[in-house]
Amino acid sequence: MDLISGLVLILHFIGLGSLLGGFITQMTELIVRITRAMIDGAWTMMVTGVVLIYFAMQEAADKNEVFPHAKFGIKFLIIAVILILVMQGRKKDSIEKGTFFAIGILTITNIAIAVLV
């Protein structure tokens, strides 16, 4: 199980890199759009995140520890909002800068919650 959860975590990081990379490469552009890498990264993060939550819940139950529901609930909500924003803008030639920066800020917020909380 540790090997599988480790591999899923690696995939989660790859999704994060894809989403954040698509954001960072366009930060200084005048016209921004949702790239295929951002779409794939958001979906990868969502799917692998759900699997990681399952593994974390199993591990907490096995060790008789308290599961941090709030942390994972907030992280799930954030990636759901990111995914909605990405999917809404996927077929547009350009999206508003506010929406684009919301995707980036929410992605960085999700990282901060994972590391600091």
PDB file of N, CA and C in Angstrom:
ATOM      1  N   MET A   1       0.822  -1.189   0.000  1.00  0.00           N
ATOM      2  CA  MET A   1       0.000   0.000   0.000  1.00  0.00           C
ATOM      3  C   MET A   1       0.866   1.253   0.000  1.00  0.00           C
ATOM      4  N   ASP A   2       1.998   1.235   0.693  1.00  0.00           N
ATOM      5  CA  ASP A   2       2.876   2.395   0.727  1.00  0.00           C
ATOM      6  C   ASP A   2       3.418   2.724  -0.663  1.00  0.00           C
ATOM      7  N   LEU A   3       3.750   1.690  -1.445  1.00  0.00           N
ATOM      8  CA  LEU A   3       4.251   1.905  -2.791  1.00  0.00           C
ATOM      9  C   LEU A   3       3.175   2.549  -3.664  1.00  0.00           C
ATOM     10  N   ILE A   4       1.964   2.047  -3.564  1.00  0.00           N
ATOM     11  CA  ILE A   4       0.868   2.590  -4.375  1.00  0.00           C
ATOM     12  C   ILE A   4       0.572   4.036  -3.973  1.00  0.00           C
ATOM     13  N   SER A   5       0.494   4.305  -2.676  1.00  0.00           N
ATOM     14  CA  SER A   5       0.218   5.676  -2.244  1.00  0.00           C
ATOM     15  C   SER A   5       1.367   6.604  -2.641  1.00  0.00           C
ATOM     16  N   GLY A   6       2.584   6.108  -2.619  1.00  0.00           N
ATOM     17  CA  GLY A   6       3.734   6.901  -3.063  1.00  0.00           C
ATOM     18  C   GLY A   6       3.657   7.228  -4.544  1.00  0.00           C
ATOM     19  N   LEU A   7       3.264   6.252  -5.343  1.00  0.00           N
ATOM     20  CA  LEU A   7       3.122   6.482  -6.779  1.00  0.00           C
ATOM     21  C   LEU A   7       1.981   7.464  -7.073  1.00  0.00           C
ATOM     22  N   VAL A   8       0.903   7.350  -6.329  1.00  0.00           N
ATOM     23  CA  VAL A   8      -0.218   8.289  -6.502  1.00  0.00           C
ATOM     24  C   VAL A   8       0.223   9.695  -6.098  1.00  0.00           C
ATOM     25  N   LEU A   9       1.010   9.813  -5.045  1.00  0.00           N
ATOM     26  CA  LEU A   9       1.522  11.114  -4.626  1.00  0.00           C
ATOM     27  C   LEU A   9       2.421  11.721  -5.706  1.00  0.00           C
ATOM     28  N   ILE A  10       3.231  10.897  -6.344  1.00  0.00           N
ATOM     29  CA  ILE A  10       4.075  11.373  -7.447  1.00  0.00           C
ATOM     30  C   ILE A  10       3.202  11.904  -8.581  1.00  0.00           C
ATOM     31  N   LEU A  11       2.148  11.177  -8.916  1.00  0.00           N
ATOM     32  CA  LEU A  11       1.227  11.644  -9.952  1.00  0.00           C
ATOM     33  C   LEU A  11       0.551  12.957  -9.544  1.00  0.00           C
ATOM     34  N   HIS A  12       0.237  13.074  -8.254  1.00  0.00           N
ATOM     35  CA  HIS A  12      -0.371  14.308  -7.738  1.00  0.00           C
ATOM     36  C   HIS A  12       0.596  15.479  -7.939  1.00  0.00           C
ATOM     37  N   PHE A  13       1.875  15.267  -7.657  1.00  0.00           N
ATOM     38  CA  PHE A  13       2.882  16.314  -7.845  1.00  0.00           C
ATOM     39  C   PHE A  13       3.056  16.654  -9.325  1.00  0.00           C
ATOM     40  N   ILE A  14       2.973  15.659 -10.185  1.00  0.00           N
ATOM     41  CA  ILE A  14       3.063  15.915 -11.626  1.00  0.00           C
ATOM     42  C   ILE A  14       1.890  16.782 -12.076  1.00  0.00           C
ATOM     43  N   GLY A  15       0.695  16.483 -11.575  1.00  0.00           N
ATOM     44  CA  GLY A  15      -0.469  17.308 -11.888  1.00  0.00           C
ATOM     45  C   GLY A  15      -0.291  18.731 -11.390  1.00  0.00           C
ATOM     46  N   LEU A  16       0.243  18.870 -10.185  1.00  0.00           N
ATOM     47  CA  LEU A  16       0.513  20.189  -9.620  1.00  0.00           C
ATOM     48  C   LEU A  16       1.493  20.957 -10.498  1.00  0.00           C
ATOM     49  N   GLY A  17       2.545  20.283 -10.907  1.00  0.00           N
ATOM     50  CA  GLY A  17       3.544  20.929 -11.769  1.00  0.00           C
ATOM     51  C   GLY A  17       2.959  21.365 -13.100  1.00  0.00           C
ATOM     52  N   SER A  18       2.096  20.555 -13.648  1.00  0.00           N
ATOM     53  CA  SER A  18       1.459  20.875 -14.919  1.00  0.00           C
ATOM     54  C   SER A  18       0.547  22.090 -14.778  1.00  0.00           C
ATOM     55  N   LEU A  19      -0.265  22.103 -13.751  1.00  0.00           N
ATOM     56  CA  LEU A  19      -1.186  23.224 -13.523  1.00  0.00           C
ATOM     57  C   LEU A  19      -0.422  24.508 -13.214  1.00  0.00           C
ATOM     58  N   LEU A  20       0.510  24.433 -12.284  1.00  0.00           N
ATOM     59  CA  LEU A  20       1.262  25.620 -11.890  1.00  0.00           C
ATOM     60  C   LEU A  20       2.187  26.094 -13.010  1.00  0.00           C
ATOM     61  N   GLY A  21       2.764  25.156 -13.748  1.00  0.00           N
ATOM     62  CA  GLY A  21       3.620  25.528 -14.875  1.00  0.00           C
ATOM     63  C   GLY A  21       2.863  26.278 -15.954  1.00  0.00           C
ATOM     64  N   GLY A  22       1.635  25.814 -16.255  1.00  0.00           N
ATOM     65  CA  GLY A  22       0.806  26.515 -17.230  1.00  0.00           C
ATOM     66  C   GLY A  22       0.480  27.930 -16.787  1.00  0.00           C
ATOM     67  N   PHE A  23       0.309  28.101 -15.495  1.00  0.00           N
ATOM     68  CA  PHE A  23       0.043  29.439 -14.946  1.00  0.00           C
ATOM     69  C   PHE A  23       1.292  30.316 -15.013  1.00  0.00           C
ATOM     70  N   ILE A  24       2.405  29.817 -14.512  1.00  0.00           N
ATOM     71  CA  ILE A  24       3.623  30.621 -14.406  1.00  0.00           C
ATOM     72  C   ILE A  24       4.138  31.048 -15.783  1.00  0.00           C
ATOM     73  N   THR A  25       4.041  30.162 -16.770  1.00  0.00           N
ATOM     74  CA  THR A  25       4.559  30.510 -18.092  1.00  0.00           C
ATOM     75  C   THR A  25       3.778  31.625 -18.763  1.00  0.00           C
ATOM     76  N   GLN A  26       2.561  31.886 -18.311  1.00  0.00           N
ATOM     77  CA  GLN A  26       1.742  32.930 -18.934  1.00  0.00           C
ATOM     78  C   GLN A  26       1.546  34.170 -18.062  1.00  0.00           C
ATOM     79  N   MET A  27       2.138  34.194 -16.902  1.00  0.00           N
ATOM     80  CA  MET A  27       1.894  35.292 -15.954  1.00  0.00           C
ATOM     81  C   MET A  27       2.130  36.679 -16.542  1.00  0.00           C
ATOM     82  N   THR A  28       3.123  36.834 -17.377  1.00  0.00           N
ATOM     83  CA  THR A  28       3.458  38.161 -17.897  1.00  0.00           C
ATOM     84  C   THR A  28       2.850  38.431 -19.274  1.00  0.00           C
ATOM     85  N   GLU A  29       2.089  37.497 -19.810  1.00  0.00           N
ATOM     86  CA  GLU A  29       1.470  37.671 -21.124  1.00  0.00           C
ATOM     87  C   GLU A  29       0.290  38.632 -21.044  1.00  0.00           C
ATOM     88  N   LEU A  30       0.021  39.323 -22.143  1.00  0.00           N
ATOM     89  CA  LEU A  30      -1.129  40.228 -22.195  1.00  0.00           C
ATOM     90  C   LEU A  30      -2.433  39.453 -22.352  1.00  0.00           C
ATOM     91  N   ILE A  31      -2.380  38.397 -23.140  1.00  0.00           N
ATOM     92  CA  ILE A  31      -3.554  37.548 -23.346  1.00  0.00           C
ATOM     93  C   ILE A  31      -3.233  36.180 -22.750  1.00  0.00           C
ATOM     94  N   VAL A  32      -4.075  35.751 -21.824  1.00  0.00           N
ATOM     95  CA  VAL A  32      -3.851  34.461 -21.173  1.00  0.00           C
ATOM     96  C   VAL A  32      -4.991  33.511 -21.526  1.00  0.00           C
ATOM     97  N   ARG A  33      -4.669  32.225 -21.537  1.00  0.00           N
ATOM     98  CA  ARG A  33      -5.682  31.226 -21.837  1.00  0.00           C
ATOM     99  C   ARG A  33      -5.401  29.965 -21.041  1.00  0.00           C
ATOM    100  N   ILE A  34      -6.382  29.108 -20.998  1.00  0.00           N
ATOM    101  CA  ILE A  34      -6.223  27.821 -20.331  1.00  0.00           C
ATOM    102  C   ILE A  34      -5.552  26.869 -21.303  1.00  0.00           C
ATOM    103  N   THR A  35      -4.435  26.311 -20.876  1.00  0.00           N
ATOM    104  CA  THR A  35      -3.711  25.375 -21.737  1.00  0.00           C
ATOM    105  C   THR A  35      -4.134  23.940 -21.430  1.00  0.00           C
ATOM    106  N   ARG A  36      -3.796  23.049 -22.336  1.00  0.00           N
ATOM    107  CA  ARG A  36      -4.099  21.630 -22.130  1.00  0.00           C
ATOM    108  C   ARG A  36      -3.375  21.112 -20.882  1.00  0.00           C
ATOM    109  N   ALA A  37      -2.176  21.608 -20.636  1.00  0.00           N
ATOM    110  CA  ALA A  37      -1.425  21.194 -19.448  1.00  0.00           C
ATOM    111  C   ALA A  37      -2.164  21.578 -18.170  1.00  0.00           C
ATOM    112  N   MET A  38      -2.796  22.742 -18.168  1.00  0.00           N
ATOM    113  CA  MET A  38      -3.543  23.182 -16.989  1.00  0.00           C
ATOM    114  C   MET A  38      -4.777  22.304 -16.772  1.00  0.00           C
ATOM    115  N   ILE A  39      -5.467  21.961 -17.847  1.00  0.00           N
ATOM    116  CA  ILE A  39      -6.643  21.095 -17.748  1.00  0.00           C
ATOM    117  C   ILE A  39      -6.235  19.721 -17.214  1.00  0.00           C
ATOM    118  N   ASP A  40      -5.227  19.136 -17.838  1.00  0.00           N
ATOM    119  CA  ASP A  40      -4.774  17.811 -17.404  1.00  0.00           C
ATOM    120  C   ASP A  40      -4.242  17.839 -15.978  1.00  0.00           C
ATOM    121  N   GLY A  41      -3.534  18.903 -15.621  1.00  0.00           N
ATOM    122  CA  GLY A  41      -2.998  19.028 -14.270  1.00  0.00           C
ATOM    123  C   GLY A  41      -4.095  19.135 -13.224  1.00  0.00           C
ATOM    124  N   ALA A  42      -5.133  19.917 -13.519  1.00  0.00           N
ATOM    125  CA  ALA A  42      -6.239  20.074 -12.572  1.00  0.00           C
ATOM    126  C   ALA A  42      -6.971  18.749 -12.382  1.00  0.00           C
ATOM    127  N   TRP A  43      -7.256  18.040 -13.482  1.00  0.00           N
ATOM    128  CA  TRP A  43      -7.933  16.744 -13.365  1.00  0.00           C
ATOM    129  C   TRP A  43      -7.060  15.721 -12.626  1.00  0.00           C
ATOM    130  N   THR A  44      -5.762  15.732 -12.920  1.00  0.00           N
ATOM    131  CA  THR A  44      -4.846  14.810 -12.251  1.00  0.00           C
ATOM    132  C   THR A  44      -4.818  15.083 -10.751  1.00  0.00           C
ATOM    133  N   MET A  45      -4.765  16.354 -10.386  1.00  0.00           N
ATOM    134  CA  MET A  45      -4.758  16.701  -8.966  1.00  0.00           C
ATOM    135  C   MET A  45      -6.053  16.279  -8.282  1.00  0.00           C
ATOM    136  N   MET A  46      -7.183  16.467  -8.954  1.00  0.00           N
ATOM    137  CA  MET A  46      -8.471  16.102  -8.362  1.00  0.00           C
ATOM    138  C   MET A  46      -8.560  14.589  -8.139  1.00  0.00           C
ATOM    139  N   VAL A  47      -8.268  13.825  -9.175  1.00  0.00           N
ATOM    140  CA  VAL A  47      -8.408  12.367  -9.077  1.00  0.00           C
ATOM    141  C   VAL A  47      -7.410  11.788  -8.077  1.00  0.00           C
ATOM    142  N   THR A  48      -6.152  12.183  -8.193  1.00  0.00           N
ATOM    143  CA  THR A  48      -5.152  11.636  -7.277  1.00  0.00           C
ATOM    144  C   THR A  48      -5.380  12.152  -5.858  1.00  0.00           C
ATOM    145  N   GLY A  49      -5.900  13.365  -5.723  1.00  0.00           N
ATOM    146  CA  GLY A  49      -6.206  13.898  -4.394  1.00  0.00           C
ATOM    147  C   GLY A  49      -7.257  13.071  -3.684  1.00  0.00           C
ATOM    148  N   VAL A  50      -8.288  12.668  -4.412  1.00  0.00           N
ATOM    149  CA  VAL A  50      -9.330  11.821  -3.824  1.00  0.00           C
ATOM    150  C   VAL A  50      -8.742  10.480  -3.387  1.00  0.00           C
ATOM    151  N   VAL A  51      -7.879   9.915  -4.225  1.00  0.00           N
ATOM    152  CA  VAL A  51      -7.246   8.636  -3.871  1.00  0.00           C
ATOM    153  C   VAL A  51      -6.345   8.811  -2.651  1.00  0.00           C
ATOM    154  N   LEU A  52      -5.611   9.918  -2.600  1.00  0.00           N
ATOM    155  CA  LEU A  52      -4.744  10.174  -1.445  1.00  0.00           C
ATOM    156  C   LEU A  52      -5.543  10.376  -0.163  1.00  0.00           C
ATOM    157  N   ILE A  53      -6.706  11.007  -0.272  1.00  0.00           N
ATOM    158  CA  ILE A  53      -7.565  11.158   0.905  1.00  0.00           C
ATOM    159  C   ILE A  53      -7.995   9.786   1.406  1.00  0.00           C
ATOM    160  N   TYR A  54      -8.351   8.901   0.490  1.00  0.00           N
ATOM    161  CA  TYR A  54      -8.734   7.534   0.871  1.00  0.00           C
ATOM    162  C   TYR A  54      -7.589   6.843   1.623  1.00  0.00           C
ATOM    163  N   PHE A  55      -6.375   6.937   1.068  1.00  0.00           N
ATOM    164  CA  PHE A  55      -5.224   6.308   1.723  1.00  0.00           C
ATOM    165  C   PHE A  55      -4.963   6.929   3.090  1.00  0.00           C
ATOM    166  N   ALA A  56      -5.096   8.248   3.195  1.00  0.00           N
ATOM    167  CA  ALA A  56      -4.862   8.929   4.472  1.00  0.00           C
ATOM    168  C   ALA A  56      -5.904   8.518   5.508  1.00  0.00           C
ATOM    169  N   MET A  57      -7.146   8.356   5.070  1.00  0.00           N
ATOM    170  CA  MET A  57      -8.197   7.927   5.999  1.00  0.00           C
ATOM    171  C   MET A  57      -7.927   6.505   6.492  1.00  0.00           C
ATOM    172  N   GLN A  58      -7.493   5.637   5.605  1.00  0.00           N
ATOM    173  CA  GLN A  58      -7.166   4.256   5.981  1.00  0.00           C
ATOM    174  C   GLN A  58      -6.003   4.227   6.974  1.00  0.00           C
ATOM    175  N   GLU A  59      -4.990   5.030   6.693  1.00  0.00           N
ATOM    176  CA  GLU A  59      -3.816   5.063   7.574  1.00  0.00           C
ATOM    177  C   GLU A  59      -4.183   5.601   8.955  1.00  0.00           C
ATOM    178  N   ALA A  60      -5.000   6.639   9.002  1.00  0.00           N
ATOM    179  CA  ALA A  60      -5.428   7.198  10.283  1.00  0.00           C
ATOM    180  C   ALA A  60      -6.244   6.182  11.072  1.00  0.00           C
ATOM    181  N   ALA A  61      -7.090   5.440  10.381  1.00  0.00           N
ATOM    182  CA  ALA A  61      -7.908   4.425  11.055  1.00  0.00           C
ATOM    183  C   ALA A  61      -7.029   3.292  11.578  1.00  0.00           C
ATOM    184  N   ASP A  62      -6.043   2.879  10.781  1.00  0.00           N
ATOM    185  CA  ASP A  62      -5.143   1.801  11.200  1.00  0.00           C
ATOM    186  C   ASP A  62      -4.324   2.185  12.433  1.00  0.00           C
ATOM    187  N   LYS A  63      -3.918   3.449  12.496  1.00  0.00           N
ATOM    188  CA  LYS A  63      -3.106   3.923  13.613  1.00  0.00           C
ATOM    189  C   LYS A  63      -3.956   4.493  14.751  1.00  0.00           C
ATOM    190  N   ASN A  64      -5.274   4.443  14.582  1.00  0.00           N
ATOM    191  CA  ASN A  64      -6.210   4.965  15.586  1.00  0.00           C
ATOM    192  C   ASN A  64      -5.937   6.448  15.877  1.00  0.00           C
ATOM    193  N   GLU A  65      -5.682   7.212  14.794  1.00  0.00           N
ATOM    194  CA  GLU A  65      -5.421   8.643  14.903  1.00  0.00           C
ATOM    195  C   GLU A  65      -6.631   9.424  14.394  1.00  0.00           C
ATOM    196  N   VAL A  66      -6.659  10.692  14.730  1.00  0.00           N
ATOM    197  CA  VAL A  66      -7.724  11.571  14.257  1.00  0.00           C
ATOM    198  C   VAL A  66      -7.386  12.015  12.835  1.00  0.00           C
ATOM    199  N   PHE A  67      -8.348  11.896  11.940  1.00  0.00           N
ATOM    200  CA  PHE A  67      -8.156  12.307  10.551  1.00  0.00           C
ATOM    201  C   PHE A  67      -8.462  13.800  10.424  1.00  0.00           C
ATOM    202  N   PRO A  68      -7.594  14.570   9.760  1.00  0.00           N
ATOM    203  CA  PRO A  68      -7.816  16.023   9.634  1.00  0.00           C
ATOM    204  C   PRO A  68      -8.846  16.348   8.543  1.00  0.00           C
ATOM    205  N   HIS A  69     -10.114  16.159   8.865  1.00  0.00           N
ATOM    206  CA  HIS A  69     -11.181  16.361   7.887  1.00  0.00           C
ATOM    207  C   HIS A  69     -11.200  17.777   7.318  1.00  0.00           C
ATOM    208  N   ALA A  70     -11.002  18.767   8.162  1.00  0.00           N
ATOM    209  CA  ALA A  70     -11.071  20.162   7.719  1.00  0.00           C
ATOM    210  C   ALA A  70      -9.989  20.454   6.682  1.00  0.00           C
ATOM    211  N   LYS A  71      -8.772  20.020   6.943  1.00  0.00           N
ATOM    212  CA  LYS A  71      -7.670  20.265   6.019  1.00  0.00           C
ATOM    213  C   LYS A  71      -7.973  19.684   4.649  1.00  0.00           C
ATOM    214  N   PHE A  72      -8.352  18.421   4.619  1.00  0.00           N
ATOM    215  CA  PHE A  72      -8.594  17.773   3.332  1.00  0.00           C
ATOM    216  C   PHE A  72      -9.879  18.286   2.686  1.00  0.00           C
ATOM    217  N   GLY A  73     -10.852  18.675   3.483  1.00  0.00           N
ATOM    218  CA  GLY A  73     -12.079  19.248   2.934  1.00  0.00           C
ATOM    219  C   GLY A  73     -11.809  20.571   2.240  1.00  0.00           C
ATOM    220  N   ILE A  74     -11.002  21.409   2.861  1.00  0.00           N
ATOM    221  CA  ILE A  74     -10.651  22.701   2.267  1.00  0.00           C
ATOM    222  C   ILE A  74      -9.826  22.503   1.010  1.00  0.00           C
ATOM    223  N   LYS A  75      -8.852  21.588   1.063  1.00  0.00           N
ATOM    224  CA  LYS A  75      -8.034  21.310  -0.119  1.00  0.00           C
ATOM    225  C   LYS A  75      -8.897  20.776  -1.265  1.00  0.00           C
ATOM    226  N   PHE A  76      -9.863  19.909  -0.944  1.00  0.00           N
ATOM    227  CA  PHE A  76     -10.758  19.380  -1.968  1.00  0.00           C
ATOM    228  C   PHE A  76     -11.603  20.492  -2.571  1.00  0.00           C
ATOM    229  N   LEU A  77     -12.115  21.379  -1.737  1.00  0.00           N
ATOM    230  CA  LEU A  77     -12.927  22.500  -2.213  1.00  0.00           C
ATOM    231  C   LEU A  77     -12.109  23.411  -3.126  1.00  0.00           C
ATOM    232  N   ILE A  78     -10.876  23.677  -2.759  1.00  0.00           N
ATOM    233  CA  ILE A  78     -10.017  24.548  -3.564  1.00  0.00           C
ATOM    234  C   ILE A  78      -9.760  23.930  -4.931  1.00  0.00           C
ATOM    235  N   ILE A  79      -9.402  22.654  -4.980  1.00  0.00           N
ATOM    236  CA  ILE A  79      -9.127  22.043  -6.284  1.00  0.00           C
ATOM    237  C   ILE A  79     -10.408  21.931  -7.100  1.00  0.00           C
ATOM    238  N   ALA A  80     -11.556  21.782  -6.445  1.00  0.00           N
ATOM    239  CA  ALA A  80     -12.831  21.758  -7.175  1.00  0.00           C
ATOM    240  C   ALA A  80     -13.088  23.113  -7.830  1.00  0.00           C
ATOM    241  N   VAL A  81     -12.829  24.201  -7.113  1.00  0.00           N
ATOM    242  CA  VAL A  81     -13.004  25.546  -7.679  1.00  0.00           C
ATOM    243  C   VAL A  81     -12.017  25.756  -8.827  1.00  0.00           C
ATOM    244  N   ILE A  82     -10.780  25.341  -8.646  1.00  0.00           N
ATOM    245  CA  ILE A  82      -9.780  25.447  -9.716  1.00  0.00           C
ATOM    246  C   ILE A  82     -10.266  24.696 -10.947  1.00  0.00           C
ATOM    247  N   LEU A  83     -10.737  23.494 -10.745  1.00  0.00           N
ATOM    248  CA  LEU A  83     -11.200  22.671 -11.862  1.00  0.00           C
ATOM    249  C   LEU A  83     -12.380  23.323 -12.575  1.00  0.00           C
ATOM    250  N   ILE A  84     -13.297  23.904 -11.827  1.00  0.00           N
ATOM    251  CA  ILE A  84     -14.430  24.611 -12.436  1.00  0.00           C
ATOM    252  C   ILE A  84     -13.944  25.792 -13.273  1.00  0.00           C
ATOM    253  N   LEU A  85     -13.025  26.589 -12.720  1.00  0.00           N
ATOM    254  CA  LEU A  85     -12.502  27.738 -13.465  1.00  0.00           C
ATOM    255  C   LEU A  85     -11.761  27.307 -14.725  1.00  0.00           C
ATOM    256  N   VAL A  86     -10.984  26.252 -14.607  1.00  0.00           N
ATOM    257  CA  VAL A  86     -10.232  25.748 -15.762  1.00  0.00           C
ATOM    258  C   VAL A  86     -11.180  25.226 -16.836  1.00  0.00           C
ATOM    259  N   MET A  87     -12.169  24.460 -16.426  1.00  0.00           N
ATOM    260  CA  MET A  87     -13.090  23.878 -17.405  1.00  0.00           C
ATOM    261  C   MET A  87     -13.963  24.952 -18.058  1.00  0.00           C
ATOM    262  N   GLN A  88     -14.317  25.993 -17.334  1.00  0.00           N
ATOM    263  CA  GLN A  88     -15.101  27.077 -17.929  1.00  0.00           C
ATOM    264  C   GLN A  88     -14.310  27.839 -18.987  1.00  0.00           C
ATOM    265  N   GLY A  89     -13.020  27.962 -18.793  1.00  0.00           N
ATOM    266  CA  GLY A  89     -12.203  28.739 -19.725  1.00  0.00           C
ATOM    267  C   GLY A  89     -11.500  27.924 -20.789  1.00  0.00           C
ATOM    268  N   ARG A  90     -11.700  26.632 -20.802  1.00  0.00           N
ATOM    269  CA  ARG A  90     -10.910  25.769 -21.683  1.00  0.00           C
ATOM    270  C   ARG A  90     -11.144  26.008 -23.169  1.00  0.00           C
ATOM    271  N   LYS A  91     -12.321  26.402 -23.584  1.00  0.00           N
ATOM    272  CA  LYS A  91     -12.618  26.562 -25.013  1.00  0.00           C
ATOM    273  C   LYS A  91     -12.546  28.017 -25.473  1.00  0.00           C
ATOM    274  N   LYS A  92     -12.213  28.905 -24.566  1.00  0.00           N
ATOM    275  CA  LYS A  92     -12.127  30.325 -24.907  1.00  0.00           C
ATOM    276  C   LYS A  92     -10.736  30.652 -25.425  1.00  0.00           C
ATOM    277  N   ASP A  93     -10.670  31.614 -26.348  1.00  0.00           N
ATOM    278  CA  ASP A  93      -9.376  32.052 -26.870  1.00  0.00           C
ATOM    279  C   ASP A  93      -8.555  32.775 -25.814  1.00  0.00           C
ATOM    280  N   SER A  94      -9.252  33.428 -24.882  1.00  0.00           N
ATOM    281  CA  SER A  94      -8.569  34.079 -23.766  1.00  0.00           C
ATOM    282  C   SER A  94      -9.544  34.153 -22.596  1.00  0.00           C
ATOM    283  N   ILE A  95      -8.974  34.271 -21.407  1.00  0.00           N
ATOM    284  CA  ILE A  95      -9.804  34.422 -20.212  1.00  0.00           C
ATOM    285  C   ILE A  95      -9.390  35.700 -19.503  1.00  0.00           C
ATOM    286  N   GLU A  96     -10.235  36.153 -18.599  1.00  0.00           N
ATOM    287  CA  GLU A  96      -9.930  37.371 -17.851  1.00  0.00           C
ATOM    288  C   GLU A  96      -8.723  37.137 -16.945  1.00  0.00           C
ATOM    289  N   LYS A  97      -7.955  38.187 -16.785  1.00  0.00           N
ATOM    290  CA  LYS A  97      -6.765  38.090 -15.918  1.00  0.00           C
ATOM    291  C   LYS A  97      -7.151  37.727 -14.493  1.00  0.00           C
ATOM    292  N   GLY A  98      -8.285  38.242 -14.007  1.00  0.00           N
ATOM    293  CA  GLY A  98      -8.723  37.932 -12.649  1.00  0.00           C
ATOM    294  C   GLY A  98      -8.970  36.449 -12.460  1.00  0.00           C
ATOM    295  N   THR A  99      -9.627  35.838 -13.420  1.00  0.00           N
ATOM    296  CA  THR A  99      -9.879  34.391 -13.361  1.00  0.00           C
ATOM    297  C   THR A  99      -8.564  33.626 -13.428  1.00  0.00           C
ATOM    298  N   PHE A 100      -7.692  34.071 -14.315  1.00  0.00           N
ATOM    299  CA  PHE A 100      -6.402  33.410 -14.483  1.00  0.00           C
ATOM    300  C   PHE A 100      -5.581  33.480 -13.189  1.00  0.00           C
ATOM    301  N   PHE A 101      -5.523  34.656 -12.582  1.00  0.00           N
ATOM    302  CA  PHE A 101      -4.748  34.788 -11.354  1.00  0.00           C
ATOM    303  C   PHE A 101      -5.425  34.088 -10.175  1.00  0.00           C
ATOM    304  N   ALA A 102      -6.741  33.980 -10.214  1.00  0.00           N
ATOM    305  CA  ALA A 102      -7.439  33.208  -9.178  1.00  0.00           C
ATOM    306  C   ALA A 102      -7.001  31.745  -9.232  1.00  0.00           C
ATOM    307  N   ILE A 103      -6.839  31.211 -10.433  1.00  0.00           N
ATOM    308  CA  ILE A 103      -6.371  29.827 -10.582  1.00  0.00           C
ATOM    309  C   ILE A 103      -4.981  29.672  -9.961  1.00  0.00           C
ATOM    310  N   GLY A 104      -4.091  30.604 -10.263  1.00  0.00           N
ATOM    311  CA  GLY A 104      -2.738  30.536  -9.725  1.00  0.00           C
ATOM    312  C   GLY A 104      -2.690  30.705  -8.218  1.00  0.00           C
ATOM    313  N   ILE A 105      -3.433  31.671  -7.704  1.00  0.00           N
ATOM    314  CA  ILE A 105      -3.434  31.919  -6.258  1.00  0.00           C
ATOM    315  C   ILE A 105      -4.048  30.742  -5.509  1.00  0.00           C
ATOM    316  N   LEU A 106      -5.128  30.182  -6.047  1.00  0.00           N
ATOM    317  CA  LEU A 106      -5.743  29.019  -5.400  1.00  0.00           C
ATOM    318  C   LEU A 106      -4.809  27.809  -5.423  1.00  0.00           C
ATOM    319  N   THR A 107      -4.071  27.651  -6.509  1.00  0.00           N
ATOM    320  CA  THR A 107      -3.115  26.544  -6.595  1.00  0.00           C
ATOM    321  C   THR A 107      -2.020  26.703  -5.543  1.00  0.00           C
ATOM    322  N   ILE A 108      -1.488  27.905  -5.411  1.00  0.00           N
ATOM    323  CA  ILE A 108      -0.448  28.159  -4.413  1.00  0.00           C
ATOM    324  C   ILE A 108      -1.011  28.031  -2.999  1.00  0.00           C
ATOM    325  N   THR A 109      -2.234  28.459  -2.804  1.00  0.00           N
ATOM    326  CA  THR A 109      -2.897  28.293  -1.498  1.00  0.00           C
ATOM    327  C   THR A 109      -3.025  26.821  -1.139  1.00  0.00           C
ATOM    328  N   ASN A 110      -3.367  26.008  -2.120  1.00  0.00           N
ATOM    329  CA  ASN A 110      -3.494  24.567  -1.883  1.00  0.00           C
ATOM    330  C   ASN A 110      -2.140  23.971  -1.468  1.00  0.00           C
ATOM    331  N   ILE A 111      -1.080  24.426  -2.080  1.00  0.00           N
ATOM    332  CA  ILE A 111       0.262  23.967  -1.708  1.00  0.00           C
ATOM    333  C   ILE A 111       0.563  24.392  -0.269  1.00  0.00           C
ATOM    334  N   ALA A 112       0.273  25.647   0.056  1.00  0.00           N
ATOM    335  CA  ALA A 112       0.556  26.165   1.399  1.00  0.00           C
ATOM    336  C   ALA A 112      -0.197  25.386   2.471  1.00  0.00           C
ATOM    337  N   ILE A 113      -1.457  25.066   2.209  1.00  0.00           N
ATOM    338  CA  ILE A 113      -2.227  24.296   3.180  1.00  0.00           C
ATOM    339  C   ILE A 113      -1.612  22.912   3.365  1.00  0.00           C
ATOM    340  N   ALA A 114      -1.200  22.289   2.271  1.00  0.00           N
ATOM    341  CA  ALA A 114      -0.597  20.952   2.356  1.00  0.00           C
ATOM    342  C   ALA A 114       0.689  20.965   3.173  1.00  0.00           C
ATOM    343  N   VAL A 115       1.477  22.001   3.014  1.00  0.00           N
ATOM    344  CA  VAL A 115       2.786  22.046   3.668  1.00  0.00           C
ATOM    345  C   VAL A 115       2.717  22.585   5.095  1.00  0.00           C
ATOM    346  N   LEU A 116       1.905  23.613   5.307  1.00  0.00           N
ATOM    347  CA  LEU A 116       1.927  24.315   6.590  1.00  0.00           C
ATOM    348  C   LEU A 116       0.903  23.857   7.612  1.00  0.00           C
ATOM    349  N   VAL A 117      -0.158  23.209   7.188  1.00  0.00           N
ATOM    350  CA  VAL A 117      -1.217  22.826   8.131  1.00  0.00           C
ATOM    351  C   VAL A 117      -1.121  21.352   8.454  1.00  0.00           C
TER     352      VAL A 117
END
